[in-house]
Amino acid sequence: MVSLNKVYLLGNLTRDPEQRYTPSGLAVTRLGLAVNTRIKQGDEWKDDVCFVDVVVFGKQAESCGEYLSKGRLVLVEGRLQWRSWEGEDGQRRSKHEVIADRVQFMPRGGRGEPESFDTPLEQIPPPEEEDIPF
């Protein structure tokens, strides 16, 4: 069986990055991303917003935590992952999130090349779920 799990998203951060470290010292940064799609409803165009949670590991996570902030435009390349956990109230929770292979910082207005704070793609296996500090 052949399958493909690849995601490319261009959007703005909805909040400042949340950076933590696993017990082994691996940086883990969570990003909230808003991706707008223009759709036509009747004679009017409207923005349909999709909110996506993104998780970044390793050196890229550290760069994201240091250089990004709410409102910043980024291009994310990664894969979709389904995660489930038990909430504090004992209820099972689950959601899709993007595990980023690369986060490209886009220019702040005007013209120019994207800022390049990302490191070469690292093949770091994500830590076990119980090791992620949030």
N, C-alpha and C. Protein backbone atom coordinates (compact mmCIF):
# COMPACT_ATOMS: atom_id res chain seq x y z
N MET A 1 0.84 -1.18 0.00
CA MET A 1 0.00 0.00 0.00
C MET A 1 0.88 1.24 0.00
N VAL A 2 0.55 2.20 -0.82
CA VAL A 2 1.28 3.45 -0.91
C VAL A 2 0.44 4.55 -0.27
N SER A 3 1.09 5.40 0.50
CA SER A 3 0.37 6.53 1.10
C SER A 3 1.28 7.75 1.12
N LEU A 4 0.69 8.90 1.32
CA LEU A 4 1.42 10.15 1.34
C LEU A 4 0.80 11.04 2.40
N ASN A 5 1.64 11.62 3.24
CA ASN A 5 1.19 12.53 4.29
C ASN A 5 2.11 13.73 4.28
N LYS A 6 1.76 14.76 3.52
CA LYS A 6 2.57 15.96 3.37
C LYS A 6 1.64 17.16 3.40
N VAL A 7 2.00 18.17 4.20
CA VAL A 7 1.18 19.36 4.36
C VAL A 7 2.04 20.60 4.14
N TYR A 8 1.51 21.57 3.39
CA TYR A 8 2.12 22.88 3.22
C TYR A 8 1.07 23.91 3.62
N LEU A 9 1.41 24.78 4.56
CA LEU A 9 0.48 25.80 5.03
C LEU A 9 1.18 27.15 5.07
N LEU A 10 0.51 28.18 4.58
CA LEU A 10 1.00 29.55 4.67
C LEU A 10 -0.04 30.33 5.45
N GLY A 11 0.37 30.87 6.59
CA GLY A 11 -0.59 31.59 7.41
C GLY A 11 0.10 32.43 8.47
N ASN A 12 -0.73 33.07 9.28
CA ASN A 12 -0.24 33.94 10.34
C ASN A 12 -0.38 33.27 11.70
N LEU A 13 0.60 33.53 12.58
CA LEU A 13 0.54 32.98 13.93
C LEU A 13 -0.57 33.66 14.72
N THR A 14 -1.36 32.87 15.42
CA THR A 14 -2.48 33.39 16.20
C THR A 14 -2.08 33.73 17.63
N ARG A 15 -0.89 33.32 18.03
CA ARG A 15 -0.39 33.60 19.38
C ARG A 15 1.14 33.48 19.35
N ASP A 16 1.76 33.95 20.41
CA ASP A 16 3.21 33.78 20.53
C ASP A 16 3.52 32.29 20.68
N PRO A 17 4.68 31.84 20.17
CA PRO A 17 5.06 30.44 20.31
C PRO A 17 5.16 30.02 21.78
N GLU A 18 4.81 28.76 22.05
CA GLU A 18 4.93 28.18 23.39
C GLU A 18 6.06 27.17 23.34
N GLN A 19 7.18 27.50 23.97
CA GLN A 19 8.35 26.63 23.91
C GLN A 19 8.57 25.94 25.24
N ARG A 20 8.87 24.64 25.17
CA ARG A 20 9.18 23.82 26.35
C ARG A 20 10.32 22.88 25.96
N TYR A 21 10.81 22.15 26.94
CA TYR A 21 11.85 21.14 26.70
C TYR A 21 11.41 19.83 27.30
N THR A 22 11.72 18.73 26.60
CA THR A 22 11.45 17.40 27.14
C THR A 22 12.47 17.12 28.24
N PRO A 23 12.23 16.10 29.07
CA PRO A 23 13.22 15.76 30.10
C PRO A 23 14.61 15.47 29.53
N SER A 24 14.67 15.02 28.28
CA SER A 24 15.97 14.73 27.67
C SER A 24 16.61 15.98 27.06
N GLY A 25 15.93 17.15 27.12
CA GLY A 25 16.51 18.40 26.62
C GLY A 25 16.12 18.79 25.21
N LEU A 26 15.22 18.04 24.58
CA LEU A 26 14.78 18.36 23.22
C LEU A 26 13.77 19.50 23.27
N ALA A 27 14.01 20.55 22.47
CA ALA A 27 13.09 21.68 22.40
C ALA A 27 11.82 21.28 21.65
N VAL A 28 10.67 21.70 22.17
CA VAL A 28 9.37 21.46 21.55
C VAL A 28 8.62 22.79 21.58
N THR A 29 8.24 23.28 20.40
CA THR A 29 7.52 24.55 20.33
C THR A 29 6.20 24.34 19.63
N ARG A 30 5.13 24.88 20.23
CA ARG A 30 3.80 24.82 19.64
C ARG A 30 3.46 26.18 19.05
N LEU A 31 2.90 26.12 17.83
CA LEU A 31 2.47 27.32 17.13
C LEU A 31 0.98 27.21 16.81
N GLY A 32 0.27 28.30 16.88
CA GLY A 32 -1.11 28.38 16.41
C GLY A 32 -1.10 29.13 15.09
N LEU A 33 -1.69 28.54 14.05
CA LEU A 33 -1.63 29.12 12.71
C LEU A 33 -3.04 29.35 12.19
N ALA A 34 -3.28 30.50 11.58
CA ALA A 34 -4.54 30.81 10.91
C ALA A 34 -4.27 30.87 9.41
N VAL A 35 -4.99 30.04 8.66
CA VAL A 35 -4.84 29.97 7.21
C VAL A 35 -6.16 30.43 6.59
N ASN A 36 -6.11 31.51 5.81
CA ASN A 36 -7.31 32.07 5.20
C ASN A 36 -7.51 31.54 3.79
N THR A 37 -8.77 31.25 3.45
CA THR A 37 -9.16 30.88 2.10
C THR A 37 -10.31 31.78 1.69
N ARG A 38 -10.19 32.40 0.54
CA ARG A 38 -11.27 33.28 0.05
C ARG A 38 -12.30 32.43 -0.67
N ILE A 39 -13.57 32.58 -0.26
CA ILE A 39 -14.65 31.84 -0.90
C ILE A 39 -15.73 32.84 -1.32
N LYS A 40 -16.41 32.52 -2.39
CA LYS A 40 -17.46 33.40 -2.88
C LYS A 40 -18.80 32.89 -2.39
N GLN A 41 -19.55 33.77 -1.74
CA GLN A 41 -20.90 33.46 -1.28
C GLN A 41 -21.83 34.46 -1.93
N GLY A 42 -22.55 33.99 -2.93
CA GLY A 42 -23.39 34.91 -3.69
C GLY A 42 -22.52 35.85 -4.48
N ASP A 43 -22.72 37.16 -4.27
CA ASP A 43 -21.93 38.17 -4.97
C ASP A 43 -20.75 38.66 -4.15
N GLU A 44 -20.58 38.14 -2.94
CA GLU A 44 -19.53 38.63 -2.04
C GLU A 44 -18.44 37.59 -1.83
N TRP A 45 -17.22 38.10 -1.62
CA TRP A 45 -16.09 37.24 -1.25
C TRP A 45 -15.92 37.32 0.26
N LYS A 46 -15.71 36.17 0.89
CA LYS A 46 -15.51 36.12 2.34
C LYS A 46 -14.28 35.27 2.64
N ASP A 47 -13.67 35.56 3.79
CA ASP A 47 -12.54 34.76 4.25
C ASP A 47 -13.05 33.60 5.10
N ASP A 48 -12.62 32.40 4.76
CA ASP A 48 -12.90 31.22 5.57
C ASP A 48 -11.58 30.89 6.27
N VAL A 49 -11.56 30.95 7.60
CA VAL A 49 -10.32 30.76 8.35
C VAL A 49 -10.25 29.35 8.91
N CYS A 50 -9.10 28.72 8.71
CA CYS A 50 -8.83 27.40 9.28
C CYS A 50 -7.71 27.58 10.32
N PHE A 51 -8.00 27.17 11.55
CA PHE A 51 -7.00 27.27 12.62
C PHE A 51 -6.32 25.92 12.78
N VAL A 52 -4.99 25.94 12.79
CA VAL A 52 -4.20 24.71 12.82
C VAL A 52 -3.15 24.80 13.91
N ASP A 53 -3.00 23.74 14.69
CA ASP A 53 -1.92 23.65 15.67
C ASP A 53 -0.72 22.98 15.02
N VAL A 54 0.46 23.57 15.24
CA VAL A 54 1.70 23.07 14.64
C VAL A 54 2.69 22.79 15.76
N VAL A 55 3.42 21.67 15.67
CA VAL A 55 4.43 21.31 16.65
C VAL A 55 5.78 21.22 15.93
N VAL A 56 6.79 21.87 16.51
CA VAL A 56 8.13 21.92 15.93
C VAL A 56 9.11 21.35 16.95
N PHE A 57 10.08 20.57 16.50
CA PHE A 57 11.06 19.94 17.39
C PHE A 57 12.48 20.41 17.07
N GLY A 58 13.36 20.28 18.06
CA GLY A 58 14.79 20.48 17.86
C GLY A 58 15.21 21.93 17.71
N LYS A 59 16.26 22.14 16.89
CA LYS A 59 16.81 23.49 16.71
C LYS A 59 15.81 24.44 16.06
N GLN A 60 15.00 23.90 15.15
CA GLN A 60 13.97 24.75 14.55
C GLN A 60 12.99 25.24 15.60
N ALA A 61 12.67 24.40 16.57
CA ALA A 61 11.77 24.79 17.66
C ALA A 61 12.38 25.94 18.45
N GLU A 62 13.68 25.88 18.70
CA GLU A 62 14.36 26.96 19.42
C GLU A 62 14.33 28.25 18.61
N SER A 63 14.58 28.17 17.31
CA SER A 63 14.53 29.36 16.45
C SER A 63 13.13 29.96 16.42
N CYS A 64 12.12 29.11 16.32
CA CYS A 64 10.74 29.60 16.31
C CYS A 64 10.41 30.31 17.62
N GLY A 65 10.82 29.72 18.73
CA GLY A 65 10.56 30.32 20.03
C GLY A 65 11.26 31.65 20.20
N GLU A 66 12.44 31.79 19.61
CA GLU A 66 13.23 33.01 19.77
C GLU A 66 12.81 34.13 18.82
N TYR A 67 12.49 33.79 17.57
CA TYR A 67 12.31 34.82 16.55
C TYR A 67 10.87 35.09 16.13
N LEU A 68 9.93 34.21 16.42
CA LEU A 68 8.55 34.39 15.96
C LEU A 68 7.68 35.01 17.04
N SER A 69 6.60 35.66 16.61
CA SER A 69 5.62 36.23 17.54
C SER A 69 4.26 36.27 16.84
N LYS A 70 3.24 36.51 17.62
CA LYS A 70 1.87 36.58 17.13
C LYS A 70 1.78 37.50 15.92
N GLY A 71 1.04 37.06 14.89
CA GLY A 71 0.83 37.85 13.69
C GLY A 71 1.82 37.58 12.58
N ARG A 72 2.94 36.94 12.88
CA ARG A 72 3.99 36.69 11.89
C ARG A 72 3.54 35.70 10.84
N LEU A 73 3.86 35.97 9.57
CA LEU A 73 3.56 35.08 8.46
C LEU A 73 4.63 34.00 8.35
N VAL A 74 4.22 32.73 8.29
CA VAL A 74 5.16 31.62 8.16
C VAL A 74 4.64 30.61 7.14
N LEU A 75 5.57 29.89 6.54
CA LEU A 75 5.26 28.77 5.66
C LEU A 75 5.71 27.51 6.38
N VAL A 76 4.77 26.59 6.59
CA VAL A 76 5.06 25.36 7.33
C VAL A 76 4.99 24.19 6.36
N GLU A 77 6.00 23.34 6.41
CA GLU A 77 6.03 22.08 5.67
C GLU A 77 6.10 20.97 6.69
N GLY A 78 5.21 20.00 6.60
CA GLY A 78 5.21 18.93 7.58
C GLY A 78 4.26 17.81 7.23
N ARG A 79 3.80 17.14 8.29
CA ARG A 79 2.87 16.02 8.11
C ARG A 79 1.76 16.13 9.14
N LEU A 80 0.61 15.58 8.80
CA LEU A 80 -0.54 15.60 9.68
C LEU A 80 -0.47 14.42 10.64
N GLN A 81 -0.78 14.67 11.91
CA GLN A 81 -0.76 13.61 12.92
C GLN A 81 -2.02 13.70 13.78
N TRP A 82 -2.57 12.54 14.12
CA TRP A 82 -3.72 12.45 15.02
C TRP A 82 -3.18 12.15 16.41
N ARG A 83 -3.59 12.95 17.39
CA ARG A 83 -3.13 12.77 18.77
C ARG A 83 -4.32 12.66 19.68
N SER A 84 -4.25 11.75 20.65
CA SER A 84 -5.31 11.65 21.65
C SER A 84 -4.67 11.56 23.03
N TRP A 85 -5.39 12.06 24.03
CA TRP A 85 -4.90 12.08 25.40
C TRP A 85 -6.08 12.13 26.35
N GLU A 86 -5.79 11.93 27.62
CA GLU A 86 -6.83 12.03 28.63
C GLU A 86 -6.70 13.38 29.32
N GLY A 87 -7.80 14.15 29.33
CA GLY A 87 -7.81 15.47 29.93
C GLY A 87 -7.81 15.39 31.45
N GLU A 88 -7.62 16.54 32.08
CA GLU A 88 -7.60 16.60 33.54
C GLU A 88 -8.91 16.14 34.15
N ASP A 89 -10.00 16.26 33.38
CA ASP A 89 -11.31 15.83 33.86
C ASP A 89 -11.58 14.35 33.61
N GLY A 90 -10.56 13.63 33.08
CA GLY A 90 -10.70 12.20 32.82
C GLY A 90 -11.31 11.87 31.47
N GLN A 91 -11.72 12.87 30.72
CA GLN A 91 -12.32 12.66 29.40
C GLN A 91 -11.23 12.47 28.34
N ARG A 92 -11.50 11.58 27.39
CA ARG A 92 -10.58 11.40 26.26
C ARG A 92 -10.73 12.57 25.31
N ARG A 93 -9.62 13.11 24.87
CA ARG A 93 -9.60 14.21 23.92
C ARG A 93 -8.73 13.78 22.74
N SER A 94 -8.97 14.42 21.59
CA SER A 94 -8.15 14.11 20.42
C SER A 94 -8.21 15.28 19.44
N LYS A 95 -7.21 15.34 18.58
CA LYS A 95 -7.16 16.39 17.55
C LYS A 95 -6.10 16.05 16.52
N HIS A 96 -6.23 16.70 15.37
CA HIS A 96 -5.19 16.66 14.36
C HIS A 96 -4.26 17.83 14.61
N GLU A 97 -2.98 17.62 14.34
CA GLU A 97 -2.00 18.70 14.40
C GLU A 97 -0.94 18.42 13.35
N VAL A 98 -0.20 19.45 12.99
CA VAL A 98 0.86 19.31 11.99
C VAL A 98 2.19 19.20 12.73
N ILE A 99 2.95 18.18 12.40
CA ILE A 99 4.32 18.03 12.89
C ILE A 99 5.21 18.63 11.82
N ALA A 100 5.86 19.75 12.15
CA ALA A 100 6.63 20.50 11.15
C ALA A 100 7.98 19.86 10.88
N ASP A 101 8.30 19.73 9.60
CA ASP A 101 9.66 19.36 9.18
C ASP A 101 10.47 20.63 8.96
N ARG A 102 9.76 21.70 8.55
CA ARG A 102 10.43 22.96 8.24
C ARG A 102 9.46 24.11 8.46
N VAL A 103 9.96 25.18 9.06
CA VAL A 103 9.20 26.42 9.22
C VAL A 103 10.00 27.53 8.57
N GLN A 104 9.44 28.12 7.54
CA GLN A 104 10.10 29.22 6.82
C GLN A 104 9.51 30.54 7.29
N PHE A 105 10.34 31.42 7.82
CA PHE A 105 9.90 32.73 8.29
C PHE A 105 9.76 33.63 7.06
N MET A 106 8.59 34.18 6.84
CA MET A 106 8.35 35.02 5.67
C MET A 106 8.68 36.48 6.01
N PRO A 107 8.97 37.29 4.98
CA PRO A 107 9.36 38.67 5.22
C PRO A 107 8.24 39.46 5.90
N ARG A 108 8.64 40.45 6.66
CA ARG A 108 7.68 41.34 7.33
C ARG A 108 7.30 42.47 6.40
N GLY A 109 6.35 42.22 5.52
CA GLY A 109 5.90 43.28 4.61
C GLY A 109 6.97 43.64 3.60
N GLY A 110 6.57 44.32 2.58
CA GLY A 110 7.54 44.73 1.58
C GLY A 110 8.01 43.56 0.75
N ARG A 111 9.10 43.75 0.09
CA ARG A 111 9.63 42.72 -0.79
C ARG A 111 10.92 42.17 -0.20
N GLY A 112 11.33 41.07 -0.72
CA GLY A 112 12.59 40.49 -0.27
C GLY A 112 12.49 39.00 -0.10
N GLU A 113 13.60 38.42 0.18
CA GLU A 113 13.67 36.98 0.38
C GLU A 113 13.19 36.62 1.77
N PRO A 114 12.60 35.41 1.94
CA PRO A 114 12.22 34.98 3.28
C PRO A 114 13.44 34.89 4.18
N GLU A 115 13.23 35.20 5.46
CA GLU A 115 14.31 35.03 6.43
C GLU A 115 14.56 33.55 6.58
N SER A 116 15.80 33.16 6.77
CA SER A 116 16.12 31.75 6.84
C SER A 116 16.74 31.42 8.18
N PHE A 117 15.90 31.07 9.14
CA PHE A 117 16.38 30.67 10.46
C PHE A 117 16.22 29.17 10.66
N ASP A 118 15.73 28.48 9.62
CA ASP A 118 15.53 27.05 9.80
C ASP A 118 16.83 26.30 9.58
N THR A 119 16.92 25.16 10.18
CA THR A 119 18.09 24.32 10.06
C THR A 119 17.79 23.26 9.00
N PRO A 120 18.78 22.56 8.50
CA PRO A 120 18.48 21.48 7.57
C PRO A 120 17.50 20.50 8.22
N LEU A 121 16.69 19.87 7.37
CA LEU A 121 15.68 18.96 7.90
C LEU A 121 16.34 17.92 8.80
N GLU A 122 15.89 17.86 10.02
CA GLU A 122 16.43 16.91 10.98
C GLU A 122 15.51 15.71 11.04
N GLN A 123 16.05 14.57 11.10
CA GLN A 123 15.25 13.36 11.22
C GLN A 123 15.20 12.94 12.69
N ILE A 124 14.72 13.85 13.52
CA ILE A 124 14.60 13.58 14.95
C ILE A 124 13.25 12.94 15.19
N PRO A 125 13.22 11.74 15.71
CA PRO A 125 11.92 11.16 15.99
C PRO A 125 11.26 11.93 17.13
N PRO A 126 9.95 12.24 17.00
CA PRO A 126 9.28 12.95 18.08
C PRO A 126 9.36 12.15 19.37
N PRO A 127 9.42 12.83 20.51
CA PRO A 127 9.47 12.12 21.78
C PRO A 127 8.15 11.40 22.04
N GLU A 128 8.20 10.47 22.95
CA GLU A 128 6.98 9.79 23.34
C GLU A 128 6.01 10.82 23.90
N GLU A 129 4.72 10.59 23.74
CA GLU A 129 3.71 11.55 24.13
C GLU A 129 3.83 11.97 25.59
N GLU A 130 4.17 11.05 26.48
CA GLU A 130 4.26 11.41 27.90
C GLU A 130 5.46 12.29 28.20
N ASP A 131 6.43 12.38 27.25
CA ASP A 131 7.59 13.24 27.44
C ASP A 131 7.34 14.68 27.03
N ILE A 132 6.27 14.94 26.22
CA ILE A 132 5.99 16.29 25.77
C ILE A 132 5.44 17.08 26.95
N PRO A 133 6.05 18.22 27.28
CA PRO A 133 5.74 18.92 28.50
C PRO A 133 4.47 19.76 28.50
N PHE A 134 3.59 19.63 27.49
CA PHE A 134 2.30 20.33 27.52
C PHE A 134 1.34 19.63 26.62
